[in-house]
Amino acid sequence: MHSIRILRTTLGILLLVTVTFGQSVQKATPSPSASKAPKQLPADLKDFFIGEWSGAGEFSNGKKIEADVSFSADLDNQWLSYSHTDRLPNKYKARGMWGFDRESGKFVMLLSNNFGGARLFVSDGWADGKIVFNRERLLAALSVAERFTFARESASSFRMTYETSRDEKAWRVGDYLTFKRK
C-alpha cells in the first residue's frame, strides 16, 4: 500500500513537471503561425449550411433513420458549430466544429457524441458543393477508417453519408440522410 502511494506521488510530480516544462518551452518558442491571420471559412460554405435542417435516410441494412441538424457561425465567425440529433427510436447526438486549424492549415471537423466519442476528421475543403472529412488518429489507433461526406444536392438540400473501411480502398455505407432546410 505504501509503495502504491509513493508511485502515485512520483507519477503526479512527473506529470506536473512535464506540463510545467512543456508550457515554459511553448511560451518561450513562438509558433511560426502565431503571426499568421487564421484562414476564413469559405463564404459559400457558411451561406449554404448555416441554419436548421431536417433529414431522412436509412442505414446500410435498410432501417430508416431521421435526424435534425443545425449549423451556426461561432467563435468570431472562424468556425461553424454543428449539432446533430437523431429522432427516436435512434439515440445518436453529436456536436462538432468545422474550421481551419491555424497550425496545420487543414480544414477539420472536431466531433463529440453522446456515446463518449471524440473524433478528429480532416478535409481538403469545400469544393464543387462537397466536403469529405476523413477521420484522423486523435487519442487511439484506428481499427476502422471513417469518413463523412456532405454534398449539396440543391440550393435547399444536402446529403450526408457516413462510411467505414478496413483498408481505405473499399468503403461501406453506414448510413445516409438527405437534409432539407426547415
Protein backbone atom coordinates (compact mmCIF):
# COMPACT_ATOMS: atom_id res chain seq x y z
CA MET A 1 0.00 0.00 0.00
CA HIS A 2 2.85 2.38 0.90
CA SER A 3 4.65 1.66 -2.38
CA ILE A 4 1.47 2.42 -4.36
CA ARG A 5 1.25 5.82 -2.64
CA ILE A 6 4.89 6.54 -3.46
CA LEU A 7 4.33 5.50 -7.08
CA ARG A 8 1.23 7.73 -7.37
CA THR A 9 3.08 10.68 -5.81
CA THR A 10 6.06 10.18 -8.14
CA LEU A 11 3.81 9.96 -11.20
CA GLY A 12 1.94 13.08 -10.07
CA ILE A 13 5.20 15.02 -9.69
CA LEU A 14 6.45 13.83 -13.09
CA LEU A 15 3.18 14.90 -14.71
CA LEU A 16 3.35 18.32 -13.05
CA VAL A 17 6.99 18.82 -14.13
CA THR A 18 6.19 17.67 -17.69
CA VAL A 19 3.20 20.01 -18.00
CA THR A 20 5.08 22.93 -16.46
CA PHE A 21 8.18 22.36 -18.59
CA GLY A 22 6.07 21.91 -21.74
CA GLN A 23 4.24 25.20 -21.09
CA SER A 24 7.54 27.01 -20.45
CA VAL A 25 9.04 25.75 -23.71
CA GLN A 26 5.83 26.55 -25.56
CA LYS A 27 5.80 30.12 -24.21
CA ALA A 28 9.49 30.63 -24.97
CA THR A 29 9.21 29.40 -28.55
CA PRO A 30 6.64 31.34 -30.55
CA SER A 31 4.80 29.33 -33.14
CA PRO A 32 5.62 30.23 -36.74
CA SER A 33 1.89 30.54 -37.38
CA ALA A 34 1.29 32.82 -34.36
CA SER A 35 1.63 35.88 -36.58
CA LYS A 36 -0.47 34.43 -39.42
CA ALA A 37 -4.08 35.51 -39.64
CA PRO A 38 -6.37 32.48 -39.39
CA LYS A 39 -7.91 31.24 -42.62
CA GLN A 40 -11.53 32.25 -43.10
CA LEU A 41 -14.35 29.82 -43.74
CA PRO A 42 -15.46 29.92 -47.38
CA ALA A 43 -18.43 32.30 -47.64
CA ASP A 44 -20.42 29.92 -49.86
CA LEU A 45 -19.96 27.08 -47.32
CA LYS A 46 -21.26 29.28 -44.48
CA ASP A 47 -24.09 30.69 -46.59
CA PHE A 48 -25.23 27.23 -47.60
CA PHE A 49 -25.04 25.35 -44.28
CA ILE A 50 -25.98 27.95 -41.64
CA GLY A 51 -29.50 27.24 -40.45
CA GLU A 52 -31.70 24.34 -39.38
CA TRP A 53 -32.19 21.18 -41.40
CA SER A 54 -34.45 18.11 -41.24
CA GLY A 55 -33.31 14.82 -42.74
CA ALA A 56 -34.38 11.28 -43.57
CA GLY A 57 -32.48 8.29 -44.91
CA GLU A 58 -31.50 4.78 -44.00
CA PHE A 59 -28.82 2.56 -42.56
CA SER A 60 -26.99 0.02 -44.72
CA ASN A 61 -29.43 -2.67 -43.52
CA GLY A 62 -32.41 -0.69 -44.87
CA LYS A 63 -33.61 0.52 -41.45
CA LYS A 64 -34.98 4.07 -41.67
CA ILE A 65 -33.35 7.00 -39.87
CA GLU A 66 -34.39 10.61 -39.33
CA ALA A 67 -32.43 13.45 -37.76
CA ASP A 68 -32.30 17.19 -37.25
CA VAL A 69 -29.10 19.17 -37.72
CA SER A 70 -28.17 22.81 -37.39
CA PHE A 71 -25.16 24.92 -38.26
CA SER A 72 -24.24 28.33 -36.87
CA ALA A 73 -21.25 30.65 -37.10
CA ASP A 74 -19.21 30.55 -33.91
CA LEU A 75 -16.07 31.98 -32.30
CA ASP A 76 -15.98 35.27 -34.21
CA ASN A 77 -17.04 33.61 -37.46
CA GLN A 78 -13.93 31.37 -37.50
CA TRP A 79 -15.87 28.13 -37.02
CA LEU A 80 -19.17 26.50 -37.95
CA SER A 81 -20.81 24.90 -34.97
CA TYR A 82 -22.63 21.68 -35.94
CA SER A 83 -25.38 19.93 -33.97
CA HIS A 84 -26.86 16.55 -34.95
CA THR A 85 -29.74 14.81 -33.15
CA ASP A 86 -31.28 11.56 -34.38
CA ARG A 87 -35.02 11.26 -33.94
CA LEU A 88 -36.42 8.39 -31.87
CA PRO A 89 -36.07 5.45 -31.78
CA ASN A 90 -32.40 6.25 -32.56
CA LYS A 91 -30.39 7.96 -29.85
CA TYR A 92 -27.27 9.37 -31.52
CA LYS A 93 -26.41 13.01 -30.75
CA ALA A 94 -23.27 14.82 -31.82
CA ARG A 95 -21.74 18.28 -31.54
CA GLY A 96 -18.99 19.40 -33.83
CA MET A 97 -16.94 22.32 -35.01
CA TRP A 98 -15.80 22.89 -38.61
CA GLY A 99 -12.94 25.24 -39.36
CA PHE A 100 -9.29 25.70 -40.22
CA ASP A 101 -6.58 24.57 -37.83
CA ARG A 102 -4.18 27.50 -37.68
CA GLU A 103 -1.08 25.36 -37.09
CA SER A 104 -1.53 22.93 -39.97
CA GLY A 105 -3.77 25.00 -42.23
CA LYS A 106 -6.03 21.94 -42.66
CA PHE A 107 -9.81 22.10 -42.67
CA VAL A 108 -11.03 20.00 -39.73
CA MET A 109 -14.16 18.72 -38.03
CA LEU A 110 -13.88 18.07 -34.30
CA LEU A 111 -16.77 15.79 -33.33
CA SER A 112 -18.00 14.51 -29.97
CA ASN A 113 -21.10 12.44 -29.27
CA ASN A 114 -23.38 11.15 -26.53
CA PHE A 115 -21.69 7.71 -26.64
CA GLY A 116 -18.41 9.18 -25.37
CA GLY A 117 -16.77 9.51 -28.76
CA ALA A 118 -14.26 12.26 -29.50
CA ARG A 119 -13.02 12.23 -33.08
CA LEU A 120 -10.94 14.39 -35.41
CA PHE A 121 -11.69 14.49 -39.14
CA VAL A 122 -9.61 16.28 -41.79
CA SER A 123 -10.71 17.52 -45.20
CA ASP A 124 -9.21 19.04 -48.33
CA GLY A 125 -12.03 21.58 -48.04
CA TRP A 126 -15.24 22.66 -49.70
CA ALA A 127 -15.09 22.18 -53.47
CA ASP A 128 -17.85 21.87 -56.07
CA GLY A 129 -20.54 21.80 -53.38
CA LYS A 130 -18.99 18.90 -51.48
CA ILE A 131 -16.79 18.33 -48.45
CA VAL A 132 -15.32 14.97 -47.36
CA PHE A 133 -14.00 14.56 -43.81
CA ASN A 134 -11.65 11.61 -43.18
CA ARG A 135 -11.00 10.51 -39.62
CA GLU A 136 -7.50 11.04 -38.22
CA ARG A 137 -5.97 9.39 -35.21
CA LEU A 138 -6.62 11.50 -32.13
CA LEU A 139 -6.12 9.51 -28.93
CA ALA A 140 -6.04 5.88 -30.00
CA ALA A 141 -5.05 3.84 -33.03
CA LEU A 142 -7.80 3.49 -35.62
CA SER A 143 -9.11 0.00 -36.22
CA VAL A 144 -11.55 1.19 -38.87
CA ALA A 145 -11.29 4.24 -41.12
CA GLU A 146 -14.31 6.53 -41.11
CA ARG A 147 -15.47 9.41 -43.26
CA PHE A 148 -18.39 11.79 -43.57
CA THR A 149 -19.36 13.36 -46.89
CA PHE A 150 -21.61 16.41 -47.02
CA ALA A 151 -22.75 17.06 -50.60
CA ARG A 152 -25.06 19.87 -51.74
CA GLU A 153 -27.91 18.46 -53.82
CA SER A 154 -29.79 21.72 -54.43
CA ALA A 155 -29.99 25.23 -53.01
CA SER A 156 -32.05 23.86 -50.11
CA SER A 157 -30.85 20.27 -49.61
CA PHE A 158 -27.72 18.22 -48.96
CA ARG A 159 -26.85 14.58 -48.45
CA MET A 160 -24.71 13.39 -45.55
CA THR A 161 -23.13 9.96 -45.93
CA TYR A 162 -21.21 8.08 -43.22
CA GLU A 163 -18.85 5.34 -44.42
CA THR A 164 -16.29 2.95 -42.93
CA SER A 165 -13.39 0.98 -44.39
CA ARG A 166 -10.85 -1.53 -43.12
CA ASP A 167 -8.35 -0.74 -45.91
CA GLU A 168 -9.33 2.81 -47.03
CA LYS A 169 -10.00 1.45 -50.52
CA ALA A 170 -13.32 -0.36 -50.21
CA TRP A 171 -15.79 1.90 -48.37
CA ARG A 172 -19.05 0.64 -46.86
CA VAL A 173 -22.00 2.97 -46.26
CA GLY A 174 -23.06 3.02 -42.60
CA ASP A 175 -25.94 5.39 -43.20
CA TYR A 176 -27.01 8.35 -45.27
CA LEU A 177 -29.55 11.13 -44.83
CA THR A 178 -30.86 13.76 -47.21
CA PHE A 179 -31.47 17.04 -45.38
CA LYS A 180 -33.84 19.82 -46.39
CA ARG A 181 -33.75 23.34 -45.00
CA LYS A 182 -36.51 23.91 -42.41
